[in-house]
Amino acid sequence: MQGSQSADPVSTRQWYPLGVVETLTKSAVETCLFGETVRYRLDERGQTEARCGDHLLPSRARYGLLWTTLDTDPGSDDLIPRIPEAHEPDRNLVCCGSIAVKASGLRVVENFLDMAHFPFVHTDILGAEPHTEVERYAVETREEGREIWATECRFFQPQAALSAEGGLMTDYIYRIAAPFSTLLYKTSPDDPERKDVIALFVQPMTPGTCRAHPVMFLLDNESSHDALVEFQQMIFLQDRVILENQRPVAMPLDAASEIPTLADRSSVAYRRWLKAQGITFGAAASGNATQSHTSLS
């Protein structure tokens, strides 16, 4: 089984999260992946299980989430992003639930990369006027072109994290680890020598709908789990309003379709990278987008 015929083979070979492992029971939960109905649960032995119709899919529990793929090769689980920090014993693993979004999964990843919207969408939390300038940063490919990294990113934030006290010039590193998976490494208020890690794993359902699964690996061991989840969900729900109003719904990949600024360097690199790999699910067909300034909220 190679997945929905409407999805490109590169996307369907990837692994995707379906839900938080600790919430699973033996009762199946129904969801959608690339237009296919998928059911997941714990089997009679207490092991994770995912099925598409009568077909048993490969499944793995990782980073607090149940992952699966429409690819029948279970050895492809090396495509689940590797996060070394997840194994550090003093980090607090925080799964922030699953959030439905009426937007292309590619749009959701791109939004995660954008710092320019912080003062306007996350006002007095991740940004505030007059601190609106995005300083020049570097973008590069790593892992033999399989990943994109944006480094030397800096932005002033009134409350960079739940545990932060007062404004902080925050250092960011962005990592696109897979077409629908991205991570952020940012200054930790609790340990200036190390970085908190925030991951956003996107489950593409249809070309215009998806579920976002935020997971954090934090050095904050003082804040309550519920407070950390509430803080992160608040941030994402502010983004969801913008994401669900972006047009076109599908994300254009052609360079001429939208006019980027210097702040959009990571977005430009991401779109080029997707196009080079042949990613089409959630992307606009060539020539179907109306030219505009990039709206990366």
Protein backbone atom coordinates (compact mmCIF):
# COMPACT_ATOMS: atom_id res chain seq x y z
CA MET A 1 0.00 0.00 0.00
CA GLN A 2 1.54 3.30 -1.09
CA GLY A 3 -1.17 5.67 0.08
CA SER A 4 -3.73 7.91 -1.55
CA GLN A 5 -3.35 8.27 -5.31
CA SER A 6 -3.77 12.04 -4.96
CA ALA A 7 -0.69 12.32 -2.75
CA ASP A 8 2.89 12.40 -3.98
CA PRO A 9 5.11 9.40 -3.14
CA VAL A 10 7.67 11.44 -1.18
CA SER A 11 5.02 12.67 1.24
CA THR A 12 3.28 9.31 1.68
CA ARG A 13 6.58 7.60 2.48
CA GLN A 14 7.07 9.87 5.51
CA TRP A 15 5.89 9.03 9.03
CA TYR A 16 3.21 11.10 10.77
CA PRO A 17 1.84 11.40 14.32
CA LEU A 18 -1.79 10.52 14.96
CA GLY A 19 -2.25 11.19 18.67
CA VAL A 20 -0.75 11.25 22.16
CA VAL A 21 0.20 7.74 23.32
CA GLU A 22 -0.82 8.19 26.95
CA THR A 23 -4.41 8.97 25.92
CA LEU A 24 -4.84 5.78 23.87
CA THR A 25 -7.16 2.96 24.93
CA LYS A 26 -8.33 -0.24 23.26
CA SER A 27 -11.15 1.73 21.66
CA ALA A 28 -10.16 2.83 18.17
CA VAL A 29 -9.93 6.51 17.27
CA GLU A 30 -10.66 7.47 13.67
CA THR A 31 -8.69 10.09 11.80
CA CYS A 32 -7.56 10.87 8.26
CA LEU A 33 -4.16 10.76 6.56
CA PHE A 34 -3.80 11.81 2.90
CA GLY A 35 -7.52 11.30 2.39
CA GLU A 36 -7.43 7.77 3.80
CA THR A 37 -9.39 6.79 6.92
CA VAL A 38 -6.99 5.56 9.60
CA ARG A 39 -7.97 4.04 12.94
CA TYR A 40 -5.55 3.79 15.84
CA ARG A 41 -5.62 2.34 19.35
CA LEU A 42 -3.83 0.03 21.79
CA ASP A 43 -4.15 -3.63 20.83
CA GLU A 44 -4.93 -6.50 23.23
CA ARG A 45 -1.27 -6.61 24.32
CA GLY A 46 -1.18 -2.89 25.02
CA GLN A 47 0.89 -2.13 21.91
CA THR A 48 0.13 0.72 19.52
CA GLU A 49 -1.83 -0.22 16.44
CA ALA A 50 -2.85 1.70 13.31
CA ARG A 51 -5.03 0.40 10.48
CA CYS A 52 -6.21 1.67 7.13
CA GLY A 53 -9.28 -0.42 6.37
CA ASP A 54 -8.24 -4.00 7.03
CA HIS A 55 -4.60 -3.19 6.41
CA LEU A 56 -2.28 -3.07 9.43
CA LEU A 57 0.07 -0.10 9.18
CA PRO A 58 3.51 0.15 10.76
CA SER A 59 3.37 2.09 14.02
CA ARG A 60 5.86 3.48 16.52
CA ALA A 61 5.59 5.32 19.84
CA ARG A 62 8.06 8.21 19.84
CA TYR A 63 8.22 11.61 21.56
CA GLY A 64 5.00 10.80 23.37
CA LEU A 65 3.11 10.35 20.08
CA LEU A 66 1.89 7.42 18.02
CA TRP A 67 3.44 7.55 14.53
CA THR A 68 2.47 5.70 11.37
CA THR A 69 3.05 5.72 7.63
CA LEU A 70 1.12 4.63 4.56
CA ASP A 71 4.35 3.07 3.30
CA THR A 72 4.49 -0.68 3.91
CA ASP A 73 8.22 -0.70 4.69
CA PRO A 74 8.55 -0.60 8.51
CA GLY A 75 12.27 0.03 8.11
CA SER A 76 11.47 3.51 6.87
CA ASP A 77 10.97 4.66 10.47
CA ASP A 78 14.35 6.34 10.22
CA LEU A 79 12.33 9.11 8.53
CA ILE A 80 10.83 10.04 11.91
CA PRO A 81 12.89 13.12 12.85
CA ARG A 82 15.76 12.39 15.22
CA ILE A 83 15.82 14.67 18.26
CA PRO A 84 18.84 13.94 20.51
CA GLU A 85 17.60 16.39 23.16
CA ALA A 86 14.55 14.16 23.71
CA HIS A 87 16.80 11.67 25.48
CA GLU A 88 18.31 14.16 27.95
CA PRO A 89 16.98 13.14 31.38
CA ASP A 90 16.48 16.66 32.76
CA ARG A 91 14.15 17.76 29.97
CA ASN A 92 10.40 17.96 30.46
CA LEU A 93 8.47 16.27 27.63
CA VAL A 94 5.24 18.19 27.00
CA CYS A 95 2.78 16.90 24.40
CA CYS A 96 0.35 19.73 23.65
CA GLY A 97 -2.45 17.71 22.09
CA SER A 98 -3.67 17.67 18.50
CA ILE A 99 -5.17 20.77 16.91
CA ALA A 100 -7.29 20.65 13.74
CA VAL A 101 -6.53 23.38 11.20
CA LYS A 102 -8.44 24.21 8.02
CA ALA A 103 -5.25 24.93 6.09
CA SER A 104 -2.64 23.16 4.03
CA GLY A 105 -0.14 21.34 6.23
CA LEU A 106 2.63 23.06 4.29
CA ARG A 107 1.20 26.46 5.29
CA VAL A 108 1.30 25.40 8.94
CA VAL A 109 4.99 24.48 8.72
CA GLU A 110 5.80 27.71 6.90
CA ASN A 111 3.98 29.76 9.51
CA PHE A 112 6.11 28.17 12.23
CA LEU A 113 9.24 29.51 10.49
CA ASP A 114 8.07 33.11 10.36
CA MET A 115 9.30 35.62 12.96
CA ALA A 116 7.88 38.73 11.27
CA HIS A 117 4.36 38.09 12.54
CA PHE A 118 5.32 37.85 16.24
CA PRO A 119 4.55 41.49 17.21
CA PHE A 120 1.22 41.49 15.35
CA VAL A 121 -0.25 38.05 16.06
CA HIS A 122 1.40 37.21 19.40
CA THR A 123 1.43 40.76 20.76
CA ASP A 124 3.19 41.25 24.13
CA ILE A 125 4.14 37.56 24.22
CA LEU A 126 6.47 36.64 21.35
CA GLY A 127 6.78 40.19 20.05
CA ALA A 128 5.70 43.80 20.46
CA GLU A 129 6.01 47.10 18.67
CA PRO A 130 8.31 48.89 18.03
CA HIS A 131 10.53 45.75 17.95
CA THR A 132 9.34 44.57 14.54
CA GLU A 133 12.55 44.17 12.55
CA VAL A 134 13.71 40.67 11.64
CA GLU A 135 17.51 40.73 11.62
CA ARG A 136 19.33 39.03 8.76
CA TYR A 137 19.86 35.32 9.38
CA ALA A 138 21.51 32.40 7.59
CA VAL A 139 19.80 29.48 5.81
CA GLU A 140 21.54 26.26 4.82
CA THR A 141 20.84 22.62 3.97
CA ARG A 142 22.22 19.80 6.10
CA GLU A 143 22.11 15.99 6.19
CA GLU A 144 23.00 15.81 2.49
CA GLY A 145 20.16 18.13 1.57
CA ARG A 146 17.50 16.27 3.57
CA GLU A 147 17.04 19.11 6.08
CA ILE A 148 16.93 22.92 6.06
CA TRP A 149 18.34 24.95 8.97
CA ALA A 150 17.93 28.66 9.65
CA THR A 151 20.57 29.92 12.08
CA GLU A 152 21.62 33.22 13.69
CA CYS A 153 17.95 34.16 14.19
CA ARG A 154 17.29 36.76 16.90
CA PHE A 155 14.11 38.48 18.01
CA PHE A 156 13.03 40.49 21.04
CA GLN A 157 10.23 38.80 22.96
CA PRO A 158 8.28 40.22 25.92
CA GLN A 159 7.58 36.66 27.19
CA ALA A 160 9.65 34.11 25.31
CA ALA A 161 8.47 31.23 27.51
CA LEU A 162 6.08 30.59 30.37
CA SER A 163 8.98 30.71 32.84
CA ALA A 164 10.47 33.94 31.41
CA GLU A 165 10.44 37.05 33.57
CA GLY A 166 10.58 40.24 31.53
CA GLY A 167 11.61 40.83 27.93
CA LEU A 168 14.37 38.78 26.37
CA MET A 169 16.39 38.95 23.15
CA THR A 170 15.83 35.39 22.04
CA ASP A 171 18.17 33.33 19.88
CA TYR A 172 16.43 30.95 17.50
CA ILE A 173 17.49 28.05 15.31
CA TYR A 174 14.88 26.62 12.97
CA ARG A 175 15.13 23.12 11.55
CA ILE A 176 12.92 21.65 8.83
CA ALA A 177 13.45 17.93 9.40
CA ALA A 178 10.84 16.61 6.93
CA PRO A 179 8.26 18.13 4.58
CA PHE A 180 5.66 18.25 7.38
CA SER A 181 7.93 18.36 10.45
CA THR A 182 9.78 21.36 11.85
CA LEU A 183 11.61 22.20 15.07
CA LEU A 184 12.66 25.32 16.91
CA TYR A 185 15.65 25.61 19.25
CA LYS A 186 15.38 28.75 21.34
CA THR A 187 17.02 30.48 24.29
CA SER A 188 15.96 28.84 27.55
CA PRO A 189 15.21 31.22 30.45
CA ASP A 190 16.14 28.35 32.78
CA ASP A 191 19.56 27.49 31.29
CA PRO A 192 21.31 30.12 29.13
CA GLU A 193 23.90 27.54 27.99
CA ARG A 194 21.30 25.28 26.37
CA LYS A 195 18.15 25.66 24.32
CA ASP A 196 14.55 24.61 24.72
CA VAL A 197 13.24 22.55 21.81
CA ILE A 198 9.75 22.98 20.37
CA ALA A 199 8.63 20.61 17.61
CA LEU A 200 5.62 20.91 15.35
CA PHE A 201 4.62 17.69 13.62
CA VAL A 202 1.85 18.10 11.05
CA GLN A 203 -0.54 15.33 9.99
CA PRO A 204 -1.83 16.14 6.47
CA MET A 205 -5.45 15.03 6.17
CA THR A 206 -6.63 16.56 2.89
CA PRO A 207 -4.83 19.14 0.72
CA GLY A 208 -6.61 21.88 2.70
CA THR A 209 -6.89 20.40 6.20
CA CYS A 210 -4.48 18.98 8.74
CA ARG A 211 -3.85 18.34 12.42
CA ALA A 212 -0.93 19.93 14.23
CA HIS A 213 0.84 18.04 17.02
CA PRO A 214 3.09 20.39 19.04
CA VAL A 215 5.62 18.73 21.36
CA MET A 216 8.08 20.53 23.64
CA PHE A 217 11.32 19.34 25.21
CA LEU A 218 11.87 21.94 27.90
CA LEU A 219 14.42 22.70 30.58
CA ASP A 220 11.58 24.22 32.61
CA ASN A 221 10.83 21.74 35.39
CA GLU A 222 9.04 24.24 37.64
CA SER A 223 5.93 25.15 35.64
CA SER A 224 3.01 22.73 35.78
CA HIS A 225 2.30 20.49 32.80
CA ASP A 226 -1.17 21.97 32.34
CA ALA A 227 0.19 25.54 32.37
CA LEU A 228 2.82 24.69 29.75
CA VAL A 229 0.22 23.06 27.50
CA GLU A 230 -2.16 25.99 27.90
CA PHE A 231 0.58 28.50 27.03
CA GLN A 232 1.60 26.66 23.87
CA GLN A 233 -1.97 26.07 22.75
CA MET A 234 -2.75 29.75 23.23
CA ILE A 235 0.13 30.64 20.89
CA PHE A 236 -0.95 28.12 18.26
CA LEU A 237 -4.62 29.10 18.36
CA GLN A 238 -3.61 32.69 17.65
CA ASP A 239 -1.84 31.38 14.55
CA ARG A 240 -4.78 29.22 13.50
CA VAL A 241 -7.00 32.26 12.93
CA ILE A 242 -4.48 33.62 10.42
CA LEU A 243 -3.74 30.26 8.81
CA GLU A 244 -7.39 29.52 8.10
CA ASN A 245 -7.79 32.84 6.28
CA GLN A 246 -4.77 32.55 3.99
CA ARG A 247 -5.48 32.46 0.26
CA PRO A 248 -4.90 30.47 -1.76
CA VAL A 249 -5.44 27.61 0.68
CA ALA A 250 -2.82 25.53 -1.12
CA MET A 251 0.69 26.90 -0.74
CA PRO A 252 2.31 28.25 -3.94
CA LEU A 253 5.78 26.86 -4.64
CA ASP A 254 6.61 28.92 -7.72
CA ALA A 255 9.00 31.77 -6.96
CA ALA A 256 6.95 34.23 -9.02
CA SER A 257 3.65 33.55 -7.25
CA GLU A 258 4.33 35.69 -4.17
CA ILE A 259 6.77 38.48 -3.38
CA PRO A 260 9.02 37.62 -0.43
CA THR A 261 11.01 39.96 1.80
CA LEU A 262 14.38 39.37 3.46
CA ALA A 263 12.53 38.11 6.53
CA ASP A 264 11.12 35.29 4.39
CA ARG A 265 14.44 33.62 3.56
CA SER A 266 13.56 30.38 5.38
CA SER A 267 10.17 30.28 3.65
CA VAL A 268 11.74 30.75 0.24
CA ALA A 269 14.24 27.96 0.94
CA TYR A 270 11.44 25.69 2.19
CA ARG A 271 9.33 26.19 -0.92
CA ARG A 272 12.27 25.57 -3.25
CA TRP A 273 13.19 22.45 -1.28
CA LEU A 274 9.63 21.10 -1.48
CA LYS A 275 9.46 21.74 -5.21
CA ALA A 276 12.81 20.04 -5.81
CA GLN A 277 11.57 16.94 -3.98
CA GLY A 278 8.34 16.79 -5.94
CA ILE A 279 6.02 17.57 -3.02
CA THR A 280 2.54 18.34 -4.32
CA PHE A 281 0.09 17.49 -1.50
CA GLY A 282 -1.13 20.81 -0.11
CA ALA A 283 0.79 22.78 -2.74
CA ALA A 284 -0.78 24.98 -5.42
CA ALA A 285 -0.46 23.84 -9.01
CA SER A 286 1.85 26.00 -11.10
CA GLY A 287 0.14 29.13 -12.36
CA ASN A 288 -2.85 28.82 -10.00
CA ALA A 289 -1.72 31.38 -7.44
CA THR A 290 -2.41 35.10 -7.52
CA GLN A 291 0.68 37.22 -6.99
CA SER A 292 0.79 38.90 -3.62
CA HIS A 293 3.10 39.64 -0.72
CA THR A 294 3.76 36.52 1.31
CA SER A 295 1.33 36.24 4.20
CA LEU A 296 3.30 34.12 6.65
CA SER A 297 1.47 34.36 9.91
